[in-house]
């Protein structure tokens, strides 16, 4: 099911049945929630799925690390604090995925 622009959706379900809702969005990690319906009619269940930005994004067919642009101050080579945060993301990913290769 595709949600509306507010990520809302509704549908009827069978009573006393187990369900799993999975939320996905391009360039975001998926999230899921499991629940079991009851015998009561007309109940509303509100689920809060959290889709975090993915560590990777596909650009021109290549899987790339998803980071913000890294800027340097004019005529300086020092790494700025905002750039250090993004570079730390890359270091953590490279430490966790030993098979990762740079292109």
PDB file of N, CA and C in Angstrom:
ATOM      1  N   UNK A   1       0.839  -1.171   0.000  1.00  0.00           N
ATOM      2  CA  UNK A   1       0.000   0.000   0.000  1.00  0.00           C
ATOM      3  C   UNK A   1       0.889   1.241   0.000  1.00  0.00           C
ATOM      4  N   UNK A   2       0.552   2.209  -0.782  1.00  0.00           N
ATOM      5  CA  UNK A   2       1.278   3.473  -0.814  1.00  0.00           C
ATOM      6  C   UNK A   2       0.487   4.467   0.023  1.00  0.00           C
ATOM      7  N   UNK A   3       1.178   5.170   0.913  1.00  0.00           N
ATOM      8  CA  UNK A   3       0.509   6.107   1.805  1.00  0.00           C
ATOM      9  C   UNK A   3       0.270   7.447   1.129  1.00  0.00           C
ATOM     10  N   UNK A   4      -0.483   8.288   1.816  1.00  0.00           N
ATOM     11  CA  UNK A   4      -0.684   9.641   1.312  1.00  0.00           C
ATOM     12  C   UNK A   4       0.524  10.506   1.681  1.00  0.00           C
ATOM     13  N   UNK A   5       0.467  11.797   1.373  1.00  0.00           N
ATOM     14  CA  UNK A   5       1.616  12.668   1.626  1.00  0.00           C
ATOM     15  C   UNK A   5       1.912  12.834   3.106  1.00  0.00           C
ATOM     16  N   UNK A   6       0.983  12.445   3.982  1.00  0.00           N
ATOM     17  CA  UNK A   6       1.200  12.521   5.427  1.00  0.00           C
ATOM     18  C   UNK A   6       1.603  11.160   6.008  1.00  0.00           C
ATOM     19  N   UNK A   7       1.880  10.206   5.146  1.00  0.00           N
ATOM     20  CA  UNK A   7       2.250   8.839   5.518  1.00  0.00           C
ATOM     21  C   UNK A   7       1.129   8.133   6.265  1.00  0.00           C
ATOM     22  N   UNK A   8      -0.106   8.491   5.948  1.00  0.00           N
ATOM     23  CA  UNK A   8      -1.272   7.867   6.579  1.00  0.00           C
ATOM     24  C   UNK A   8      -1.878   6.824   5.647  1.00  0.00           C
ATOM     25  N   UNK A   9      -2.437   5.784   6.241  1.00  0.00           N
ATOM     26  CA  UNK A   9      -3.137   4.772   5.466  1.00  0.00           C
ATOM     27  C   UNK A   9      -4.122   4.066   6.379  1.00  0.00           C
ATOM     28  N   UNK A  10      -5.101   3.412   5.800  1.00  0.00           N
ATOM     29  CA  UNK A  10      -6.035   2.617   6.583  1.00  0.00           C
ATOM     30  C   UNK A  10      -6.523   1.464   5.716  1.00  0.00           C
ATOM     31  N   UNK A  11      -6.855   0.363   6.391  1.00  0.00           N
ATOM     32  CA  UNK A  11      -7.432  -0.777   5.709  1.00  0.00           C
ATOM     33  C   UNK A  11      -8.075  -1.682   6.748  1.00  0.00           C
ATOM     34  N   UNK A  12      -8.993  -2.500   6.313  1.00  0.00           N
ATOM     35  CA  UNK A  12      -9.687  -3.418   7.220  1.00  0.00           C
ATOM     36  C   UNK A  12      -8.847  -4.679   7.372  1.00  0.00           C
ATOM     37  N   UNK A  13      -8.887  -5.242   8.589  1.00  0.00           N
ATOM     38  CA  UNK A  13      -8.134  -6.458   8.865  1.00  0.00           C
ATOM     39  C   UNK A  13      -9.044  -7.488   9.520  1.00  0.00           C
ATOM     40  N   UNK A  14      -8.632  -8.735   9.507  1.00  0.00           N
ATOM     41  CA  UNK A  14      -9.373  -9.812  10.151  1.00  0.00           C
ATOM     42  C   UNK A  14      -9.119  -9.797  11.654  1.00  0.00           C
ATOM     43  N   UNK A  15     -10.088 -10.263  12.417  1.00  0.00           N
ATOM     44  CA  UNK A  15      -9.962 -10.334  13.877  1.00  0.00           C
ATOM     45  C   UNK A  15      -8.992 -11.433  14.298  1.00  0.00           C
ATOM     46  N   UNK A  16      -8.351 -11.187  15.413  1.00  0.00           N
ATOM     47  CA  UNK A  16      -7.429 -12.143  16.030  1.00  0.00           C
ATOM     48  C   UNK A  16      -6.438 -12.725  15.017  1.00  0.00           C
ATOM     49  N   UNK A  17      -5.794 -11.840  14.307  1.00  0.00           N
ATOM     50  CA  UNK A  17      -4.819 -12.221  13.289  1.00  0.00           C
ATOM     51  C   UNK A  17      -3.541 -11.429  13.505  1.00  0.00           C
ATOM     52  N   UNK A  18      -2.409 -12.083  13.312  1.00  0.00           N
ATOM     53  CA  UNK A  18      -1.111 -11.416  13.463  1.00  0.00           C
ATOM     54  C   UNK A  18      -0.756 -10.711  12.161  1.00  0.00           C
ATOM     55  N   UNK A  19      -0.218  -9.496  12.299  1.00  0.00           N
ATOM     56  CA  UNK A  19       0.178  -8.695  11.151  1.00  0.00           C
ATOM     57  C   UNK A  19       1.561  -8.098  11.370  1.00  0.00           C
ATOM     58  N   UNK A  20       2.204  -7.789  10.275  1.00  0.00           N
ATOM     59  CA  UNK A  20       3.472  -7.071  10.303  1.00  0.00           C
ATOM     60  C   UNK A  20       3.380  -5.965   9.266  1.00  0.00           C
ATOM     61  N   UNK A  21       3.591  -4.729   9.721  1.00  0.00           N
ATOM     62  CA  UNK A  21       3.586  -3.565   8.833  1.00  0.00           C
ATOM     63  C   UNK A  21       5.042  -3.170   8.604  1.00  0.00           C
ATOM     64  N   UNK A  22       5.426  -2.994   7.342  1.00  0.00           N
ATOM     65  CA  UNK A  22       6.792  -2.605   6.993  1.00  0.00           C
ATOM     66  C   UNK A  22       6.727  -1.298   6.215  1.00  0.00           C
ATOM     67  N   UNK A  23       7.490  -0.301   6.692  1.00  0.00           N
ATOM     68  CA  UNK A  23       7.544   0.985   5.998  1.00  0.00           C
ATOM     69  C   UNK A  23       8.866   1.136   5.277  1.00  0.00           C
ATOM     70  N   UNK A  24       8.813   1.568   4.025  1.00  0.00           N
ATOM     71  CA  UNK A  24      10.032   1.786   3.251  1.00  0.00           C
ATOM     72  C   UNK A  24       9.918   3.097   2.481  1.00  0.00           C
ATOM     73  N   UNK A  25      11.058   3.683   2.231  1.00  0.00           N
ATOM     74  CA  UNK A  25      11.135   4.889   1.409  1.00  0.00           C
ATOM     75  C   UNK A  25      12.529   4.917   0.795  1.00  0.00           C
ATOM     76  N   UNK A  26      12.614   5.366  -0.445  1.00  0.00           N
ATOM     77  CA  UNK A  26      13.902   5.411  -1.125  1.00  0.00           C
ATOM     78  C   UNK A  26      14.899   6.238  -0.314  1.00  0.00           C
ATOM     79  N   UNK A  27      16.113   5.723  -0.175  1.00  0.00           N
ATOM     80  CA  UNK A  27      17.223   6.348   0.557  1.00  0.00           C
ATOM     81  C   UNK A  27      17.009   6.414   2.070  1.00  0.00           C
ATOM     82  N   UNK A  28      16.081   5.589   2.588  1.00  0.00           N
ATOM     83  CA  UNK A  28      15.857   5.498   4.025  1.00  0.00           C
ATOM     84  C   UNK A  28      15.888   4.036   4.439  1.00  0.00           C
ATOM     85  N   UNK A  29      16.307   3.787   5.688  1.00  0.00           N
ATOM     86  CA  UNK A  29      16.236   2.436   6.231  1.00  0.00           C
ATOM     87  C   UNK A  29      14.777   2.110   6.526  1.00  0.00           C
ATOM     88  N   UNK A  30      14.392   0.868   6.314  1.00  0.00           N
ATOM     89  CA  UNK A  30      13.010   0.487   6.583  1.00  0.00           C
ATOM     90  C   UNK A  30      12.793   0.255   8.072  1.00  0.00           C
ATOM     91  N   UNK A  31      11.540   0.298   8.487  1.00  0.00           N
ATOM     92  CA  UNK A  31      11.153   0.009   9.859  1.00  0.00           C
ATOM     93  C   UNK A  31       9.919  -0.871   9.792  1.00  0.00           C
ATOM     94  N   UNK A  32       9.680  -1.634  10.836  1.00  0.00           N
ATOM     95  CA  UNK A  32       8.505  -2.502  10.845  1.00  0.00           C
ATOM     96  C   UNK A  32       7.912  -2.576  12.248  1.00  0.00           C
ATOM     97  N   UNK A  33       6.662  -2.987  12.292  1.00  0.00           N
ATOM     98  CA  UNK A  33       5.945  -3.143  13.552  1.00  0.00           C
ATOM     99  C   UNK A  33       5.030  -4.347  13.416  1.00  0.00           C
ATOM    100  N   UNK A  34       5.018  -5.196  14.450  1.00  0.00           N
ATOM    101  CA  UNK A  34       4.153  -6.368  14.453  1.00  0.00           C
ATOM    102  C   UNK A  34       3.057  -6.174  15.490  1.00  0.00           C
ATOM    103  N   UNK A  35       1.857  -6.673  15.190  1.00  0.00           N
ATOM    104  CA  UNK A  35       0.750  -6.587  16.138  1.00  0.00           C
ATOM    105  C   UNK A  35      -0.243  -7.695  15.844  1.00  0.00           C
ATOM    106  N   UNK A  36      -1.126  -7.944  16.810  1.00  0.00           N
ATOM    107  CA  UNK A  36      -2.201  -8.924  16.625  1.00  0.00           C
ATOM    108  C   UNK A  36      -3.513  -8.196  16.850  1.00  0.00           C
ATOM    109  N   UNK A  37      -4.445  -8.382  15.923  1.00  0.00           N
ATOM    110  CA  UNK A  37      -5.741  -7.725  16.034  1.00  0.00           C
ATOM    111  C   UNK A  37      -6.590  -8.420  17.105  1.00  0.00           C
ATOM    112  N   UNK A  38      -7.611  -7.705  17.580  1.00  0.00           N
ATOM    113  CA  UNK A  38      -8.499  -8.254  18.613  1.00  0.00           C
ATOM    114  C   UNK A  38      -9.864  -8.564  18.010  1.00  0.00           C
ATOM    115  N   UNK A  39     -10.806  -8.927  18.864  1.00  0.00           N
ATOM    116  CA  UNK A  39     -12.175  -9.230  18.440  1.00  0.00           C
ATOM    117  C   UNK A  39     -13.054  -7.996  18.356  1.00  0.00           C
ATOM    118  N   UNK A  40     -12.623  -6.883  18.928  1.00  0.00           N
ATOM    119  CA  UNK A  40     -13.449  -5.677  18.970  1.00  0.00           C
ATOM    120  C   UNK A  40     -13.520  -5.021  17.597  1.00  0.00           C
ATOM    121  N   UNK A  41     -14.688  -4.504  17.292  1.00  0.00           N
ATOM    122  CA  UNK A  41     -14.890  -3.839  16.003  1.00  0.00           C
ATOM    123  C   UNK A  41     -14.615  -2.350  16.134  1.00  0.00           C
ATOM    124  N   UNK A  42     -14.177  -1.739  15.047  1.00  0.00           N
ATOM    125  CA  UNK A  42     -14.018  -0.295  14.985  1.00  0.00           C
ATOM    126  C   UNK A  42     -12.825   0.264  15.732  1.00  0.00           C
ATOM    127  N   UNK A  43     -11.886  -0.565  16.139  1.00  0.00           N
ATOM    128  CA  UNK A  43     -10.698  -0.059  16.829  1.00  0.00           C
ATOM    129  C   UNK A  43      -9.740   0.578  15.835  1.00  0.00           C
ATOM    130  N   UNK A  44      -9.013   1.540  16.314  1.00  0.00           N
ATOM    131  CA  UNK A  44      -8.005   2.203  15.484  1.00  0.00           C
ATOM    132  C   UNK A  44      -6.648   1.966  16.134  1.00  0.00           C
ATOM    133  N   UNK A  45      -5.706   1.531  15.356  1.00  0.00           N
ATOM    134  CA  UNK A  45      -4.347   1.300  15.838  1.00  0.00           C
ATOM    135  C   UNK A  45      -3.425   2.291  15.154  1.00  0.00           C
ATOM    136  N   UNK A  46      -2.710   3.051  15.949  1.00  0.00           N
ATOM    137  CA  UNK A  46      -1.779   4.017  15.391  1.00  0.00           C
ATOM    138  C   UNK A  46      -0.373   3.475  15.567  1.00  0.00           C
ATOM    139  N   UNK A  47       0.325   3.297  14.452  1.00  0.00           N
ATOM    140  CA  UNK A  47       1.696   2.808  14.465  1.00  0.00           C
ATOM    141  C   UNK A  47       2.632   3.942  14.103  1.00  0.00           C
ATOM    142  N   UNK A  48       3.749   4.010  14.780  1.00  0.00           N
ATOM    143  CA  UNK A  48       4.736   5.034  14.460  1.00  0.00           C
ATOM    144  C   UNK A  48       6.007   4.395  13.941  1.00  0.00           C
ATOM    145  N   UNK A  49       6.141   4.331  12.651  1.00  0.00           N
ATOM    146  CA  UNK A  49       7.361   3.803  12.060  1.00  0.00           C
ATOM    147  C   UNK A  49       8.344   4.949  11.874  1.00  0.00           C
ATOM    148  N   UNK A  50       9.599   4.679  12.152  1.00  0.00           N
ATOM    149  CA  UNK A  50      10.637   5.690  12.004  1.00  0.00           C
ATOM    150  C   UNK A  50      11.565   5.277  10.877  1.00  0.00           C
ATOM    151  N   UNK A  51      11.605   6.066   9.835  1.00  0.00           N
ATOM    152  CA  UNK A  51      12.483   5.784   8.709  1.00  0.00           C
ATOM    153  C   UNK A  51      13.679   6.718   8.803  1.00  0.00           C
ATOM    154  N   UNK A  52      14.813   6.149   9.148  1.00  0.00           N
ATOM    155  CA  UNK A  52      16.037   6.942   9.291  1.00  0.00           C
ATOM    156  C   UNK A  52      16.753   7.017   7.943  1.00  0.00           C
ATOM    157  N   UNK A  53      17.436   8.126   7.693  1.00  0.00           N
ATOM    158  CA  UNK A  53      18.205   8.205   6.445  1.00  0.00           C
ATOM    159  C   UNK A  53      19.179   7.034   6.344  1.00  0.00           C
ATOM    160  N   UNK A  54      19.205   6.411   5.204  1.00  0.00           N
ATOM    161  CA  UNK A  54      20.076   5.261   4.992  1.00  0.00           C
ATOM    162  C   UNK A  54      21.542   5.686   4.955  1.00  0.00           C
ATOM    163  N   UNK A  55      22.425   4.765   5.316  1.00  0.00           N
ATOM    164  CA  UNK A  55      23.862   5.040   5.230  1.00  0.00           C
ATOM    165  C   UNK A  55      24.312   5.130   3.781  1.00  0.00           C
ATOM    166  N   UNK A  56      23.503   4.563   2.883  1.00  0.00           N
ATOM    167  CA  UNK A  56      23.879   4.516   1.475  1.00  0.00           C
ATOM    168  C   UNK A  56      22.779   5.102   0.603  1.00  0.00           C
ATOM    169  N   UNK A  57      23.171   5.589  -0.551  1.00  0.00           N
ATOM    170  CA  UNK A  57      22.242   6.104  -1.536  1.00  0.00           C
ATOM    171  C   UNK A  57      22.751   5.660  -2.913  1.00  0.00           C
ATOM    172  N   UNK A  58      21.822   5.369  -3.819  1.00  0.00           N
ATOM    173  CA  UNK A  58      22.213   4.944  -5.165  1.00  0.00           C
ATOM    174  C   UNK A  58      22.250   6.156  -6.077  1.00  0.00           C
ATOM    175  N   UNK A  59      23.402   6.414  -6.673  1.00  0.00           N
ATOM    176  CA  UNK A  59      23.580   7.542  -7.586  1.00  0.00           C
ATOM    177  C   UNK A  59      24.157   7.000  -8.892  1.00  0.00           C
ATOM    178  N   UNK A  60      23.437   7.248 -10.000  1.00  0.00           N
ATOM    179  CA  UNK A  60      23.854   6.765 -11.321  1.00  0.00           C
ATOM    180  C   UNK A  60      24.258   5.285 -11.288  1.00  0.00           C
ATOM    181  N   UNK A  61      23.456   4.489 -10.587  1.00  0.00           N
ATOM    182  CA  UNK A  61      23.690   3.053 -10.544  1.00  0.00           C
ATOM    183  C   UNK A  61      24.763   2.595  -9.564  1.00  0.00           C
ATOM    184  N   UNK A  62      25.420   3.533  -8.890  1.00  0.00           N
ATOM    185  CA  UNK A  62      26.470   3.194  -7.920  1.00  0.00           C
ATOM    186  C   UNK A  62      25.947   3.411  -6.501  1.00  0.00           C
ATOM    187  N   UNK A  63      26.251   2.498  -5.590  1.00  0.00           N
ATOM    188  CA  UNK A  63      25.884   2.647  -4.194  1.00  0.00           C
ATOM    189  C   UNK A  63      26.933   3.512  -3.518  1.00  0.00           C
ATOM    190  N   UNK A  64      26.530   4.662  -2.987  1.00  0.00           N
ATOM    191  CA  UNK A  64      27.451   5.634  -2.387  1.00  0.00           C
ATOM    192  C   UNK A  64      27.112   5.841  -0.914  1.00  0.00           C
ATOM    193  N   UNK A  65      28.115   6.256  -0.132  1.00  0.00           N
ATOM    194  CA  UNK A  65      27.885   6.610   1.262  1.00  0.00           C
ATOM    195  C   UNK A  65      27.072   7.904   1.273  1.00  0.00           C
ATOM    196  N   UNK A  66      26.007   7.935   2.069  1.00  0.00           N
ATOM    197  CA  UNK A  66      25.098   9.073   2.117  1.00  0.00           C
ATOM    198  C   UNK A  66      25.586  10.086   3.154  1.00  0.00           C
ATOM    199  N   UNK A  67      26.342  11.081   2.701  1.00  0.00           N
ATOM    200  CA  UNK A  67      26.839  12.132   3.593  1.00  0.00           C
ATOM    201  C   UNK A  67      26.542  13.498   2.982  1.00  0.00           C
ATOM    202  N   UNK A  68      26.564  14.498   3.839  1.00  0.00           N
ATOM    203  CA  UNK A  68      26.401  15.877   3.358  1.00  0.00           C
ATOM    204  C   UNK A  68      27.702  16.317   2.702  1.00  0.00           C
ATOM    205  N   UNK A  69      27.656  17.352   1.865  1.00  0.00           N
ATOM    206  CA  UNK A  69      28.889  17.860   1.243  1.00  0.00           C
ATOM    207  C   UNK A  69      29.908  18.290   2.301  1.00  0.00           C
ATOM    208  N   UNK A  70      31.172  18.108   1.985  1.00  0.00           N
ATOM    209  CA  UNK A  70      32.261  18.507   2.883  1.00  0.00           C
ATOM    210  C   UNK A  70      32.896  19.765   2.314  1.00  0.00           C
ATOM    211  N   UNK A  71      32.849  20.827   3.098  1.00  0.00           N
ATOM    212  CA  UNK A  71      33.378  22.120   2.666  1.00  0.00           C
ATOM    213  C   UNK A  71      34.631  22.480   3.458  1.00  0.00           C
ATOM    214  N   UNK A  72      35.504  23.229   2.830  1.00  0.00           N
ATOM    215  CA  UNK A  72      36.699  23.771   3.475  1.00  0.00           C
ATOM    216  C   UNK A  72      36.603  25.289   3.450  1.00  0.00           C
ATOM    217  N   UNK A  73      37.165  25.940   4.456  1.00  0.00           N
ATOM    218  CA  UNK A  73      37.229  27.395   4.451  1.00  0.00           C
ATOM    219  C   UNK A  73      38.199  27.848   3.364  1.00  0.00           C
ATOM    220  N   UNK A  74      37.958  29.021   2.820  1.00  0.00           N
ATOM    221  CA  UNK A  74      38.763  29.566   1.730  1.00  0.00           C
ATOM    222  C   UNK A  74      40.237  29.638   2.121  1.00  0.00           C
ATOM    223  N   UNK A  75      41.096  29.092   1.253  1.00  0.00           N
ATOM    224  CA  UNK A  75      42.549  29.103   1.432  1.00  0.00           C
ATOM    225  C   UNK A  75      43.019  28.370   2.693  1.00  0.00           C
ATOM    226  N   UNK A  76      42.236  27.396   3.159  1.00  0.00           N
ATOM    227  CA  UNK A  76      42.623  26.617   4.341  1.00  0.00           C
ATOM    228  C   UNK A  76      42.440  25.137   4.037  1.00  0.00           C
ATOM    229  N   UNK A  77      43.233  24.309   4.703  1.00  0.00           N
ATOM    230  CA  UNK A  77      43.131  22.869   4.487  1.00  0.00           C
ATOM    231  C   UNK A  77      42.667  22.125   5.743  1.00  0.00           C
ATOM    232  N   UNK A  78      42.377  22.861   6.810  1.00  0.00           N
ATOM    233  CA  UNK A  78      41.922  22.215   8.040  1.00  0.00           C
ATOM    234  C   UNK A  78      40.512  21.653   7.853  1.00  0.00           C
ATOM    235  N   UNK A  79      40.257  20.557   8.532  1.00  0.00           N
ATOM    236  CA  UNK A  79      38.933  19.953   8.471  1.00  0.00           C
ATOM    237  C   UNK A  79      38.026  20.695   9.445  1.00  0.00           C
ATOM    238  N   UNK A  80      36.937  21.220   8.927  1.00  0.00           N
ATOM    239  CA  UNK A  80      35.976  21.948   9.755  1.00  0.00           C
ATOM    240  C   UNK A  80      35.194  20.972  10.628  1.00  0.00           C
ATOM    241  N   UNK A  81      34.579  21.485  11.706  1.00  0.00           N
ATOM    242  CA  UNK A  81      33.799  20.639  12.614  1.00  0.00           C
ATOM    243  C   UNK A  81      32.640  19.956  11.902  1.00  0.00           C
ATOM    244  N   UNK A  82      31.948  20.690  11.013  1.00  0.00           N
ATOM    245  CA  UNK A  82      30.828  20.080  10.297  1.00  0.00           C
ATOM    246  C   UNK A  82      31.303  18.985   9.346  1.00  0.00           C
ATOM    247  N   UNK A  83      32.488  19.166   8.761  1.00  0.00           N
ATOM    248  CA  UNK A  83      33.046  18.142   7.872  1.00  0.00           C
ATOM    249  C   UNK A  83      33.514  16.926   8.668  1.00  0.00           C
ATOM    250  N   UNK A  84      34.035  17.155   9.867  1.00  0.00           N
ATOM    251  CA  UNK A  84      34.518  16.051  10.711  1.00  0.00           C
ATOM    252  C   UNK A  84      33.381  15.087  11.042  1.00  0.00           C
ATOM    253  N   UNK A  85      32.192  15.611  11.259  1.00  0.00           N
ATOM    254  CA  UNK A  85      31.028  14.762  11.552  1.00  0.00           C
ATOM    255  C   UNK A  85      30.741  13.838  10.368  1.00  0.00           C
ATOM    256  N   UNK A  86      30.768  14.387   9.168  1.00  0.00           N
ATOM    257  CA  UNK A  86      30.501  13.582   7.981  1.00  0.00           C
ATOM    258  C   UNK A  86      31.608  12.560   7.737  1.00  0.00           C
ATOM    259  N   UNK A  87      32.852  12.953   7.948  1.00  0.00           N
ATOM    260  CA  UNK A  87      33.975  12.032   7.768  1.00  0.00           C
ATOM    261  C   UNK A  87      33.931  10.901   8.800  1.00  0.00           C
ATOM    262  N   UNK A  88      33.465  11.199  10.009  1.00  0.00           N
ATOM    263  CA  UNK A  88      33.315  10.153  11.031  1.00  0.00           C
ATOM    264  C   UNK A  88      32.312   9.100  10.588  1.00  0.00           C
ATOM    265  N   UNK A  89      31.248   9.532   9.913  1.00  0.00           N
ATOM    266  CA  UNK A  89      30.273   8.576   9.379  1.00  0.00           C
ATOM    267  C   UNK A  89      30.955   7.604   8.420  1.00  0.00           C
ATOM    268  N   UNK A  90      31.792   8.143   7.536  1.00  0.00           N
ATOM    269  CA  UNK A  90      32.496   7.310   6.556  1.00  0.00           C
ATOM    270  C   UNK A  90      33.431   6.334   7.256  1.00  0.00           C
ATOM    271  N   UNK A  91      34.160   6.807   8.260  1.00  0.00           N
ATOM    272  CA  UNK A  91      35.092   5.947   9.001  1.00  0.00           C
ATOM    273  C   UNK A  91      34.336   4.802   9.667  1.00  0.00           C
ATOM    274  N   UNK A  92      33.215   5.096  10.324  1.00  0.00           N
ATOM    275  CA  UNK A  92      32.431   4.047  10.998  1.00  0.00           C
ATOM    276  C   UNK A  92      31.927   3.010  10.009  1.00  0.00           C
ATOM    277  N   UNK A  93      31.444   3.467   8.861  1.00  0.00           N
ATOM    278  CA  UNK A  93      30.956   2.535   7.850  1.00  0.00           C
ATOM    279  C   UNK A  93      32.094   1.654   7.355  1.00  0.00           C
ATOM    280  N   UNK A  94      33.251   2.261   7.102  1.00  0.00           N
ATOM    281  CA  UNK A  94      34.391   1.484   6.607  1.00  0.00           C
ATOM    282  C   UNK A  94      34.878   0.487   7.654  1.00  0.00           C
ATOM    283  N   UNK A  95      34.797   0.828   8.925  1.00  0.00           N
ATOM    284  CA  UNK A  95      35.195  -0.101   9.981  1.00  0.00           C
ATOM    285  C   UNK A  95      34.211  -1.261  10.100  1.00  0.00           C
ATOM    286  N   UNK A  96      32.919  -0.990   9.882  1.00  0.00           N
ATOM    287  CA  UNK A  96      31.894  -2.025  10.016  1.00  0.00           C
ATOM    288  C   UNK A  96      31.779  -2.917   8.794  1.00  0.00           C
ATOM    289  N   UNK A  97      32.149  -2.406   7.633  1.00  0.00           N
ATOM    290  CA  UNK A  97      32.033  -3.186   6.400  1.00  0.00           C
ATOM    291  C   UNK A  97      33.435  -3.322   5.803  1.00  0.00           C
ATOM    292  N   UNK A  98      34.124  -4.371   6.185  1.00  0.00           N
ATOM    293  CA  UNK A  98      35.505  -4.583   5.771  1.00  0.00           C
ATOM    294  C   UNK A  98      35.649  -4.745   4.258  1.00  0.00           C
ATOM    295  N   UNK A  99      34.605  -5.235   3.600  1.00  0.00           N
ATOM    296  CA  UNK A  99      34.697  -5.471   2.153  1.00  0.00           C
ATOM    297  C   UNK A  99      34.438  -4.219   1.325  1.00  0.00           C
ATOM    298  N   UNK A 100      34.121  -3.100   1.978  1.00  0.00           N
ATOM    299  CA  UNK A 100      33.854  -1.860   1.267  1.00  0.00           C
ATOM    300  C   UNK A 100      35.107  -1.393   0.545  1.00  0.00           C
ATOM    301  N   UNK A 101      34.952  -0.932  -0.700  1.00  0.00           N
ATOM    302  CA  UNK A 101      36.108  -0.436  -1.430  1.00  0.00           C
ATOM    303  C   UNK A 101      35.819   0.965  -1.956  1.00  0.00           C
ATOM    304  N   UNK A 102      36.842   1.758  -2.032  1.00  0.00           N
ATOM    305  CA  UNK A 102      36.724   3.121  -2.519  1.00  0.00           C
ATOM    306  C   UNK A 102      36.883   3.154  -4.034  1.00  0.00           C
ATOM    307  N   UNK A 103      36.120   4.046  -4.670  1.00  0.00           N
ATOM    308  CA  UNK A 103      36.266   4.214  -6.120  1.00  0.00           C
ATOM    309  C   UNK A 103      36.577   5.653  -6.429  1.00  0.00           C
TER     310      UNK A 103
END
